[in-house]
Amino acid sequence: MQQLLNLAGWPPQGGAGPFDTRKAAFAKSPETVTFRKVDRIVGTRIDMTCMFGKEVVTFRFFASSRGMAENVAEVLGHSTGQSLRDLGLLYVADIEE
């Protein structure tokens, strides 16, 4: 088991969607967005919907393997309403590759 914050690529990157990532508040603290749901897993990529204030923004996390992506998505699926900062403290099962 390891915390999400210790995975390569955490916190996930945002920007796909209508939110302007160049706004100073977002650029300085993207980890304060609120997680809403996992949209899909594509290979090792997890697409997730988050909120920054009233704006919807899609974040993408790239896991080390398909199995790890599925484990991360499962943990996230039980964590609606938490910030990316808080999600980083959650534990995810390791995958033997």
PDB file of N, CA and C in Angstrom:
ATOM      1  N   MET A   1       0.853  -1.192   0.000  1.00  0.00           N
ATOM      2  CA  MET A   1       0.000   0.000   0.000  1.00  0.00           C
ATOM      3  C   MET A   1       0.891   1.246   0.000  1.00  0.00           C
ATOM      4  N   GLN A   2       0.453   2.220  -0.728  1.00  0.00           N
ATOM      5  CA  GLN A   2       1.151   3.504  -0.704  1.00  0.00           C
ATOM      6  C   GLN A   2       0.137   4.628  -0.894  1.00  0.00           C
ATOM      7  N   GLN A   3       0.532   5.813  -0.439  1.00  0.00           N
ATOM      8  CA  GLN A   3      -0.354   6.960  -0.564  1.00  0.00           C
ATOM      9  C   GLN A   3      -0.321   7.472  -1.999  1.00  0.00           C
ATOM     10  N   LEU A   4      -1.469   8.004  -2.426  1.00  0.00           N
ATOM     11  CA  LEU A   4      -1.548   8.573  -3.772  1.00  0.00           C
ATOM     12  C   LEU A   4      -0.479   9.638  -3.990  1.00  0.00           C
ATOM     13  N   LEU A   5      -0.215  10.444  -2.949  1.00  0.00           N
ATOM     14  CA  LEU A   5       0.746  11.540  -3.120  1.00  0.00           C
ATOM     15  C   LEU A   5       2.155  11.035  -3.424  1.00  0.00           C
ATOM     16  N   ASN A   6       2.430   9.746  -3.162  1.00  0.00           N
ATOM     17  CA  ASN A   6       3.736   9.182  -3.457  1.00  0.00           C
ATOM     18  C   ASN A   6       3.824   8.557  -4.846  1.00  0.00           C
ATOM     19  N   LEU A   7       2.716   8.545  -5.579  1.00  0.00           N
ATOM     20  CA  LEU A   7       2.731   8.006  -6.936  1.00  0.00           C
ATOM     21  C   LEU A   7       3.287   9.043  -7.903  1.00  0.00           C
ATOM     22  N   ALA A   8       4.069   8.571  -8.862  1.00  0.00           N
ATOM     23  CA  ALA A   8       4.579   9.483  -9.898  1.00  0.00           C
ATOM     24  C   ALA A   8       3.389  10.112 -10.612  1.00  0.00           C
ATOM     25  N   GLY A   9       3.441  11.422 -10.799  1.00  0.00           N
ATOM     26  CA  GLY A   9       2.366  12.103 -11.516  1.00  0.00           C
ATOM     27  C   GLY A   9       1.247  12.639 -10.636  1.00  0.00           C
ATOM     28  N   TRP A  10       1.325  12.426  -9.324  1.00  0.00           N
ATOM     29  CA  TRP A  10       0.298  12.989  -8.431  1.00  0.00           C
ATOM     30  C   TRP A  10       0.781  14.324  -7.909  1.00  0.00           C
ATOM     31  N   PRO A  11       0.014  15.384  -7.855  1.00  0.00           N
ATOM     32  CA  PRO A  11      -1.400  15.435  -8.208  1.00  0.00           C
ATOM     33  C   PRO A  11      -1.601  15.420  -9.715  1.00  0.00           C
ATOM     34  N   PRO A  12      -2.778  14.966 -10.149  1.00  0.00           N
ATOM     35  CA  PRO A  12      -3.053  14.913 -11.579  1.00  0.00           C
ATOM     36  C   PRO A  12      -3.058  16.302 -12.199  1.00  0.00           C
ATOM     37  N   GLN A  13      -2.963  16.333 -13.504  1.00  0.00           N
ATOM     38  CA  GLN A  13      -2.924  17.594 -14.237  1.00  0.00           C
ATOM     39  C   GLN A  13      -4.311  17.951 -14.737  1.00  0.00           C
ATOM     40  N   GLY A  14      -4.650  19.224 -14.654  1.00  0.00           N
ATOM     41  CA  GLY A  14      -5.963  19.685 -15.084  1.00  0.00           C
ATOM     42  C   GLY A  14      -5.875  20.563 -16.306  1.00  0.00           C
ATOM     43  N   GLY A  15      -7.041  20.873 -16.850  1.00  0.00           N
ATOM     44  CA  GLY A  15      -7.071  21.820 -17.930  1.00  0.00           C
ATOM     45  C   GLY A  15      -8.024  21.479 -19.051  1.00  0.00           C
ATOM     46  N   ALA A  16      -8.365  20.217 -19.218  1.00  0.00           N
ATOM     47  CA  ALA A  16      -9.291  19.879 -20.298  1.00  0.00           C
ATOM     48  C   ALA A  16     -10.679  20.335 -19.879  1.00  0.00           C
ATOM     49  N   GLY A  17     -11.287  21.172 -20.666  1.00  0.00           N
ATOM     50  CA  GLY A  17     -12.606  21.674 -20.310  1.00  0.00           C
ATOM     51  C   GLY A  17     -12.644  23.184 -20.370  1.00  0.00           C
ATOM     52  N   PRO A  18     -13.748  23.777 -19.923  1.00  0.00           N
ATOM     53  CA  PRO A  18     -13.961  25.206 -20.087  1.00  0.00           C
ATOM     54  C   PRO A  18     -13.151  26.072 -19.138  1.00  0.00           C
ATOM     55  N   PHE A  19     -12.563  25.488 -18.093  1.00  0.00           N
ATOM     56  CA  PHE A  19     -11.876  26.313 -17.105  1.00  0.00           C
ATOM     57  C   PHE A  19     -10.569  26.846 -17.660  1.00  0.00           C
ATOM     58  N   ASP A  20     -10.308  28.110 -17.450  1.00  0.00           N
ATOM     59  CA  ASP A  20      -9.080  28.747 -17.931  1.00  0.00           C
ATOM     60  C   ASP A  20      -7.985  28.527 -16.901  1.00  0.00           C
ATOM     61  N   THR A  21      -7.067  27.600 -17.186  1.00  0.00           N
ATOM     62  CA  THR A  21      -6.028  27.242 -16.222  1.00  0.00           C
ATOM     63  C   THR A  21      -5.000  28.352 -16.041  1.00  0.00           C
ATOM     64  N   ARG A  22      -5.074  29.396 -16.836  1.00  0.00           N
ATOM     65  CA  ARG A  22      -4.116  30.493 -16.692  1.00  0.00           C
ATOM     66  C   ARG A  22      -4.497  31.448 -15.568  1.00  0.00           C
ATOM     67  N   LYS A  23      -5.696  31.314 -15.033  1.00  0.00           N
ATOM     68  CA  LYS A  23      -6.101  32.191 -13.932  1.00  0.00           C
ATOM     69  C   LYS A  23      -5.196  31.941 -12.741  1.00  0.00           C
ATOM     70  N   ALA A  24      -4.771  32.997 -12.112  1.00  0.00           N
ATOM     71  CA  ALA A  24      -3.757  32.920 -11.059  1.00  0.00           C
ATOM     72  C   ALA A  24      -4.153  31.997  -9.902  1.00  0.00           C
ATOM     73  N   ALA A  25      -5.383  32.091  -9.428  1.00  0.00           N
ATOM     74  CA  ALA A  25      -5.787  31.290  -8.268  1.00  0.00           C
ATOM     75  C   ALA A  25      -5.682  29.803  -8.572  1.00  0.00           C
ATOM     76  N   PHE A  26      -6.092  29.413  -9.751  1.00  0.00           N
ATOM     77  CA  PHE A  26      -6.030  28.004 -10.123  1.00  0.00           C
ATOM     78  C   PHE A  26      -4.587  27.567 -10.327  1.00  0.00           C
ATOM     79  N   ALA A  27      -3.813  28.377 -11.005  1.00  0.00           N
ATOM     80  CA  ALA A  27      -2.422  28.024 -11.299  1.00  0.00           C
ATOM     81  C   ALA A  27      -1.604  27.861 -10.027  1.00  0.00           C
ATOM     82  N   LYS A  28      -1.932  28.629  -8.989  1.00  0.00           N
ATOM     83  CA  LYS A  28      -1.173  28.563  -7.741  1.00  0.00           C
ATOM     84  C   LYS A  28      -1.595  27.403  -6.845  1.00  0.00           C
ATOM     85  N   SER A  29      -2.816  26.912  -6.997  1.00  0.00           N
ATOM     86  CA  SER A  29      -3.286  25.882  -6.068  1.00  0.00           C
ATOM     87  C   SER A  29      -4.237  24.874  -6.717  1.00  0.00           C
ATOM     88  N   PRO A  30      -3.812  24.186  -7.778  1.00  0.00           N
ATOM     89  CA  PRO A  30      -4.707  23.218  -8.421  1.00  0.00           C
ATOM     90  C   PRO A  30      -5.100  22.071  -7.498  1.00  0.00           C
ATOM     91  N   GLU A  31      -4.300  21.808  -6.445  1.00  0.00           N
ATOM     92  CA  GLU A  31      -4.634  20.721  -5.530  1.00  0.00           C
ATOM     93  C   GLU A  31      -5.847  21.023  -4.663  1.00  0.00           C
ATOM     94  N   THR A  32      -6.356  22.266  -4.698  1.00  0.00           N
ATOM     95  CA  THR A  32      -7.527  22.613  -3.897  1.00  0.00           C
ATOM     96  C   THR A  32      -8.837  22.359  -4.625  1.00  0.00           C
ATOM     97  N   VAL A  33      -8.786  21.887  -5.859  1.00  0.00           N
ATOM     98  CA  VAL A  33     -10.031  21.561  -6.557  1.00  0.00           C
ATOM     99  C   VAL A  33     -10.711  20.400  -5.848  1.00  0.00           C
ATOM    100  N   THR A  34     -12.014  20.286  -6.022  1.00  0.00           N
ATOM    101  CA  THR A  34     -12.797  19.238  -5.382  1.00  0.00           C
ATOM    102  C   THR A  34     -13.100  18.134  -6.385  1.00  0.00           C
ATOM    103  N   PHE A  35     -12.796  16.904  -6.023  1.00  0.00           N
ATOM    104  CA  PHE A  35     -13.049  15.753  -6.883  1.00  0.00           C
ATOM    105  C   PHE A  35     -14.533  15.433  -6.924  1.00  0.00           C
ATOM    106  N   ARG A  36     -15.053  15.177  -8.135  1.00  0.00           N
ATOM    107  CA  ARG A  36     -16.466  14.788  -8.280  1.00  0.00           C
ATOM    108  C   ARG A  36     -16.633  13.346  -8.692  1.00  0.00           C
ATOM    109  N   LYS A  37     -15.927  12.916  -9.768  1.00  0.00           N
ATOM    110  CA  LYS A  37     -16.116  11.532 -10.227  1.00  0.00           C
ATOM    111  C   LYS A  37     -15.013  11.126 -11.201  1.00  0.00           C
ATOM    112  N   VAL A  38     -14.828   9.815 -11.309  1.00  0.00           N
ATOM    113  CA  VAL A  38     -13.966   9.254 -12.340  1.00  0.00           C
ATOM    114  C   VAL A  38     -14.825   9.124 -13.587  1.00  0.00           C
ATOM    115  N   ASP A  39     -14.376   9.702 -14.688  1.00  0.00           N
ATOM    116  CA  ASP A  39     -15.134   9.624 -15.932  1.00  0.00           C
ATOM    117  C   ASP A  39     -14.852   8.328 -16.679  1.00  0.00           C
ATOM    118  N   ARG A  40     -13.573   7.989 -16.796  1.00  0.00           N
ATOM    119  CA  ARG A  40     -13.209   6.774 -17.518  1.00  0.00           C
ATOM    120  C   ARG A  40     -11.737   6.464 -17.291  1.00  0.00           C
ATOM    121  N   ILE A  41     -11.409   5.213 -17.611  1.00  0.00           N
ATOM    122  CA  ILE A  41     -10.015   4.783 -17.634  1.00  0.00           C
ATOM    123  C   ILE A  41      -9.712   4.416 -19.073  1.00  0.00           C
ATOM    124  N   VAL A  42      -8.636   4.991 -19.604  1.00  0.00           N
ATOM    125  CA  VAL A  42      -8.202   4.692 -20.964  1.00  0.00           C
ATOM    126  C   VAL A  42      -6.752   4.221 -20.865  1.00  0.00           C
ATOM    127  N   GLY A  43      -6.551   2.910 -20.939  1.00  0.00           N
ATOM    128  CA  GLY A  43      -5.209   2.373 -20.748  1.00  0.00           C
ATOM    129  C   GLY A  43      -4.752   2.656 -19.324  1.00  0.00           C
ATOM    130  N   THR A  44      -3.704   3.456 -19.190  1.00  0.00           N
ATOM    131  CA  THR A  44      -3.203   3.814 -17.856  1.00  0.00           C
ATOM    132  C   THR A  44      -3.655   5.207 -17.424  1.00  0.00           C
ATOM    133  N   ARG A  45      -4.472   5.862 -18.234  1.00  0.00           N
ATOM    134  CA  ARG A  45      -4.927   7.229 -17.938  1.00  0.00           C
ATOM    135  C   ARG A  45      -6.301   7.209 -17.281  1.00  0.00           C
ATOM    136  N   ILE A  46      -6.433   7.988 -16.201  1.00  0.00           N
ATOM    137  CA  ILE A  46      -7.714   8.161 -15.523  1.00  0.00           C
ATOM    138  C   ILE A  46      -8.185   9.584 -15.787  1.00  0.00           C
ATOM    139  N   ASP A  47      -9.360   9.724 -16.391  1.00  0.00           N
ATOM    140  CA  ASP A  47      -9.973  11.038 -16.588  1.00  0.00           C
ATOM    141  C   ASP A  47     -10.976  11.245 -15.466  1.00  0.00           C
ATOM    142  N   MET A  48     -10.895  12.399 -14.802  1.00  0.00           N
ATOM    143  CA  MET A  48     -11.792  12.666 -13.686  1.00  0.00           C
ATOM    144  C   MET A  48     -12.356  14.078 -13.764  1.00  0.00           C
ATOM    145  N   THR A  49     -13.576  14.220 -13.294  1.00  0.00           N
ATOM    146  CA  THR A  49     -14.230  15.522 -13.237  1.00  0.00           C
ATOM    147  C   THR A  49     -14.017  16.107 -11.852  1.00  0.00           C
ATOM    148  N   CYS A  50     -13.576  17.363 -11.829  1.00  0.00           N
ATOM    149  CA  CYS A  50     -13.373  18.085 -10.579  1.00  0.00           C
ATOM    150  C   CYS A  50     -14.051  19.441 -10.678  1.00  0.00           C
ATOM    151  N   MET A  51     -14.179  20.095  -9.544  1.00  0.00           N
ATOM    152  CA  MET A  51     -14.753  21.435  -9.503  1.00  0.00           C
ATOM    153  C   MET A  51     -13.737  22.394  -8.905  1.00  0.00           C
ATOM    154  N   PHE A  52     -13.639  23.573  -9.494  1.00  0.00           N
ATOM    155  CA  PHE A  52     -12.836  24.651  -8.926  1.00  0.00           C
ATOM    156  C   PHE A  52     -13.802  25.808  -8.770  1.00  0.00           C
ATOM    157  N   GLY A  53     -14.285  25.998  -7.544  1.00  0.00           N
ATOM    158  CA  GLY A  53     -15.366  26.953  -7.328  1.00  0.00           C
ATOM    159  C   GLY A  53     -16.601  26.413  -8.030  1.00  0.00           C
ATOM    160  N   LYS A  54     -17.149  27.168  -8.971  1.00  0.00           N
ATOM    161  CA  LYS A  54     -18.326  26.725  -9.722  1.00  0.00           C
ATOM    162  C   LYS A  54     -17.952  26.197 -11.099  1.00  0.00           C
ATOM    163  N   GLU A  55     -16.672  26.168 -11.396  1.00  0.00           N
ATOM    164  CA  GLU A  55     -16.213  25.738 -12.720  1.00  0.00           C
ATOM    165  C   GLU A  55     -15.872  24.248 -12.730  1.00  0.00           C
ATOM    166  N   VAL A  56     -16.287  23.572 -13.799  1.00  0.00           N
ATOM    167  CA  VAL A  56     -15.944  22.159 -14.000  1.00  0.00           C
ATOM    168  C   VAL A  56     -14.608  22.096 -14.725  1.00  0.00           C
ATOM    169  N   VAL A  57     -13.719  21.236 -14.267  1.00  0.00           N
ATOM    170  CA  VAL A  57     -12.432  21.045 -14.933  1.00  0.00           C
ATOM    171  C   VAL A  57     -12.099  19.550 -14.917  1.00  0.00           C
ATOM    172  N   THR A  58     -11.611  19.056 -16.033  1.00  0.00           N
ATOM    173  CA  THR A  58     -11.224  17.656 -16.134  1.00  0.00           C
ATOM    174  C   THR A  58      -9.751  17.518 -15.796  1.00  0.00           C
ATOM    175  N   PHE A  59      -9.446  16.536 -14.950  1.00  0.00           N
ATOM    176  CA  PHE A  59      -8.066  16.236 -14.610  1.00  0.00           C
ATOM    177  C   PHE A  59      -7.716  14.869 -15.162  1.00  0.00           C
ATOM    178  N   ARG A  60      -6.438  14.691 -15.456  1.00  0.00           N
ATOM    179  CA  ARG A  60      -5.952  13.413 -15.945  1.00  0.00           C
ATOM    180  C   ARG A  60      -4.786  12.954 -15.087  1.00  0.00           C
ATOM    181  N   PHE A  61      -4.873  11.692 -14.665  1.00  0.00           N
ATOM    182  CA  PHE A  61      -3.777  11.069 -13.931  1.00  0.00           C
ATOM    183  C   PHE A  61      -3.274   9.889 -14.749  1.00  0.00           C
ATOM    184  N   PHE A  62      -1.964   9.818 -14.917  1.00  0.00           N
ATOM    185  CA  PHE A  62      -1.351   8.731 -15.673  1.00  0.00           C
ATOM    186  C   PHE A  62      -0.694   7.769 -14.693  1.00  0.00           C
ATOM    187  N   ALA A  63      -1.259   6.575 -14.569  1.00  0.00           N
ATOM    188  CA  ALA A  63      -0.750   5.556 -13.649  1.00  0.00           C
ATOM    189  C   ALA A  63       0.378   4.772 -14.319  1.00  0.00           C
ATOM    190  N   SER A  64       1.088   3.994 -13.509  1.00  0.00           N
ATOM    191  CA  SER A  64       2.218   3.221 -14.028  1.00  0.00           C
ATOM    192  C   SER A  64       1.770   1.983 -14.807  1.00  0.00           C
ATOM    193  N   SER A  65       0.526   1.538 -14.596  1.00  0.00           N
ATOM    194  CA  SER A  65       0.008   0.362 -15.300  1.00  0.00           C
ATOM    195  C   SER A  65      -1.515   0.420 -15.316  1.00  0.00           C
ATOM    196  N   ARG A  66      -2.124  -0.432 -16.135  1.00  0.00           N
ATOM    197  CA  ARG A  66      -3.585  -0.504 -16.189  1.00  0.00           C
ATOM    198  C   ARG A  66      -4.137  -0.933 -14.821  1.00  0.00           C
ATOM    199  N   GLY A  67      -3.494  -1.910 -14.190  1.00  0.00           N
ATOM    200  CA  GLY A  67      -3.942  -2.381 -12.880  1.00  0.00           C
ATOM    201  C   GLY A  67      -3.894  -1.286 -11.834  1.00  0.00           C
ATOM    202  N   MET A  68      -2.825  -0.497 -11.843  1.00  0.00           N
ATOM    203  CA  MET A  68      -2.720   0.613 -10.892  1.00  0.00           C
ATOM    204  C   MET A  68      -3.789   1.655 -11.198  1.00  0.00           C
ATOM    205  N   ALA A  69      -4.046   1.918 -12.470  1.00  0.00           N
ATOM    206  CA  ALA A  69      -5.101   2.875 -12.839  1.00  0.00           C
ATOM    207  C   ALA A  69      -6.445   2.415 -12.283  1.00  0.00           C
ATOM    208  N   GLU A  70      -6.730   1.127 -12.383  1.00  0.00           N
ATOM    209  CA  GLU A  70      -7.993   0.603 -11.857  1.00  0.00           C
ATOM    210  C   GLU A  70      -8.051   0.734 -10.338  1.00  0.00           C
ATOM    211  N   ASN A  71      -6.938   0.469  -9.649  1.00  0.00           N
ATOM    212  CA  ASN A  71      -6.912   0.605  -8.182  1.00  0.00           C
ATOM    213  C   ASN A  71      -7.110   2.052  -7.757  1.00  0.00           C
ATOM    214  N   VAL A  72      -6.430   2.972  -8.443  1.00  0.00           N
ATOM    215  CA  VAL A  72      -6.572   4.395  -8.114  1.00  0.00           C
ATOM    216  C   VAL A  72      -8.013   4.841  -8.371  1.00  0.00           C
ATOM    217  N   ALA A  73      -8.580   4.430  -9.502  1.00  0.00           N
ATOM    218  CA  ALA A  73      -9.955   4.809  -9.831  1.00  0.00           C
ATOM    219  C   ALA A  73     -10.932   4.286  -8.783  1.00  0.00           C
ATOM    220  N   GLU A  74     -10.687   3.084  -8.271  1.00  0.00           N
ATOM    221  CA  GLU A  74     -11.566   2.529  -7.242  1.00  0.00           C
ATOM    222  C   GLU A  74     -11.500   3.352  -5.964  1.00  0.00           C
ATOM    223  N   VAL A  75     -10.290   3.712  -5.545  1.00  0.00           N
ATOM    224  CA  VAL A  75     -10.124   4.542  -4.342  1.00  0.00           C
ATOM    225  C   VAL A  75     -10.793   5.901  -4.549  1.00  0.00           C
ATOM    226  N   LEU A  76     -10.583   6.504  -5.701  1.00  0.00           N
ATOM    227  CA  LEU A  76     -11.189   7.805  -5.984  1.00  0.00           C
ATOM    228  C   LEU A  76     -12.707   7.720  -5.996  1.00  0.00           C
ATOM    229  N   GLY A  77     -13.241   6.612  -6.496  1.00  0.00           N
ATOM    230  CA  GLY A  77     -14.686   6.438  -6.592  1.00  0.00           C
ATOM    231  C   GLY A  77     -15.400   6.507  -5.254  1.00  0.00           C
ATOM    232  N   HIS A  78     -14.664   6.266  -4.165  1.00  0.00           N
ATOM    233  CA  HIS A  78     -15.240   6.330  -2.820  1.00  0.00           C
ATOM    234  C   HIS A  78     -14.924   7.659  -2.130  1.00  0.00           C
ATOM    235  N   SER A  79     -14.421   8.630  -2.879  1.00  0.00           N
ATOM    236  CA  SER A  79     -13.893   9.851  -2.255  1.00  0.00           C
ATOM    237  C   SER A  79     -14.458  11.136  -2.837  1.00  0.00           C
ATOM    238  N   THR A  80     -15.665  11.080  -3.343  1.00  0.00           N
ATOM    239  CA  THR A  80     -16.307  12.261  -3.912  1.00  0.00           C
ATOM    240  C   THR A  80     -16.361  13.390  -2.891  1.00  0.00           C
ATOM    241  N   GLY A  81     -16.080  14.601  -3.351  1.00  0.00           N
ATOM    242  CA  GLY A  81     -16.184  15.780  -2.489  1.00  0.00           C
ATOM    243  C   GLY A  81     -14.897  16.165  -1.791  1.00  0.00           C
ATOM    244  N   GLN A  82     -13.840  15.380  -1.947  1.00  0.00           N
ATOM    245  CA  GLN A  82     -12.576  15.708  -1.303  1.00  0.00           C
ATOM    246  C   GLN A  82     -11.685  16.497  -2.256  1.00  0.00           C
ATOM    247  N   SER A  83     -10.763  17.265  -1.692  1.00  0.00           N
ATOM    248  CA  SER A  83      -9.810  18.014  -2.512  1.00  0.00           C
ATOM    249  C   SER A  83      -8.706  17.071  -2.990  1.00  0.00           C
ATOM    250  N   LEU A  84      -8.007  17.458  -4.048  1.00  0.00           N
ATOM    251  CA  LEU A  84      -6.889  16.651  -4.524  1.00  0.00           C
ATOM    252  C   LEU A  84      -5.824  16.528  -3.446  1.00  0.00           C
ATOM    253  N   ARG A  85      -5.667  17.561  -2.630  1.00  0.00           N
ATOM    254  CA  ARG A  85      -4.704  17.510  -1.519  1.00  0.00           C
ATOM    255  C   ARG A  85      -5.089  16.389  -0.549  1.00  0.00           C
ATOM    256  N   ASP A  86      -6.378  16.339  -0.165  1.00  0.00           N
ATOM    257  CA  ASP A  86      -6.834  15.299   0.757  1.00  0.00           C
ATOM    258  C   ASP A  86      -6.772  13.919   0.116  1.00  0.00           C
ATOM    259  N   LEU A  87      -7.096  13.829  -1.160  1.00  0.00           N
ATOM    260  CA  LEU A  87      -7.035  12.541  -1.852  1.00  0.00           C
ATOM    261  C   LEU A  87      -5.618  11.987  -1.842  1.00  0.00           C
ATOM    262  N   GLY A  88      -4.635  12.858  -1.896  1.00  0.00           N
ATOM    263  CA  GLY A  88      -3.242  12.418  -1.886  1.00  0.00           C
ATOM    264  C   GLY A  88      -2.875  11.645  -0.631  1.00  0.00           C
ATOM    265  N   LEU A  89      -3.626  11.821   0.443  1.00  0.00           N
ATOM    266  CA  LEU A  89      -3.352  11.124   1.701  1.00  0.00           C
ATOM    267  C   LEU A  89      -3.943   9.717   1.736  1.00  0.00           C
ATOM    268  N   LEU A  90      -4.801   9.395   0.772  1.00  0.00           N
ATOM    269  CA  LEU A  90      -5.420   8.073   0.729  1.00  0.00           C
ATOM    270  C   LEU A  90      -4.426   7.028   0.264  1.00  0.00           C
ATOM    271  N   TYR A  91      -4.690   5.782   0.655  1.00  0.00           N
ATOM    272  CA  TYR A  91      -3.808   4.680   0.282  1.00  0.00           C
ATOM    273  C   TYR A  91      -4.409   3.867  -0.863  1.00  0.00           C
ATOM    274  N   VAL A  92      -3.540   3.400  -1.726  1.00  0.00           N
ATOM    275  CA  VAL A  92      -3.938   2.562  -2.845  1.00  0.00           C
ATOM    276  C   VAL A  92      -3.059   1.305  -2.819  1.00  0.00           C
ATOM    277  N   ALA A  93      -3.674   0.180  -3.181  1.00  0.00           N
ATOM    278  CA  ALA A  93      -2.940  -1.092  -3.190  1.00  0.00           C
ATOM    279  C   ALA A  93      -1.899  -1.086  -4.299  1.00  0.00           C
ATOM    280  N   ASP A  94      -0.743  -1.672  -4.002  1.00  0.00           N
ATOM    281  CA  ASP A  94       0.293  -1.820  -5.009  1.00  0.00           C
ATOM    282  C   ASP A  94      -0.095  -2.925  -5.992  1.00  0.00           C
ATOM    283  N   ILE A  95       0.424  -2.828  -7.181  1.00  0.00           N
ATOM    284  CA  ILE A  95       0.201  -3.827  -8.222  1.00  0.00           C
ATOM    285  C   ILE A  95       1.513  -4.526  -8.497  1.00  0.00           C
ATOM    286  N   GLU A  96       1.487  -5.830  -8.510  1.00  0.00           N
ATOM    287  CA  GLU A  96       2.692  -6.570  -8.896  1.00  0.00           C
ATOM    288  C   GLU A  96       2.669  -6.721 -10.400  1.00  0.00           C
ATOM    289  N   GLU A  97       3.723  -6.238 -11.027  1.00  0.00           N
ATOM    290  CA  GLU A  97       3.754  -6.238 -12.490  1.00  0.00           C
ATOM    291  C   GLU A  97       4.672  -7.304 -13.018  1.00  0.00           C
TER     292      GLU A  97
END
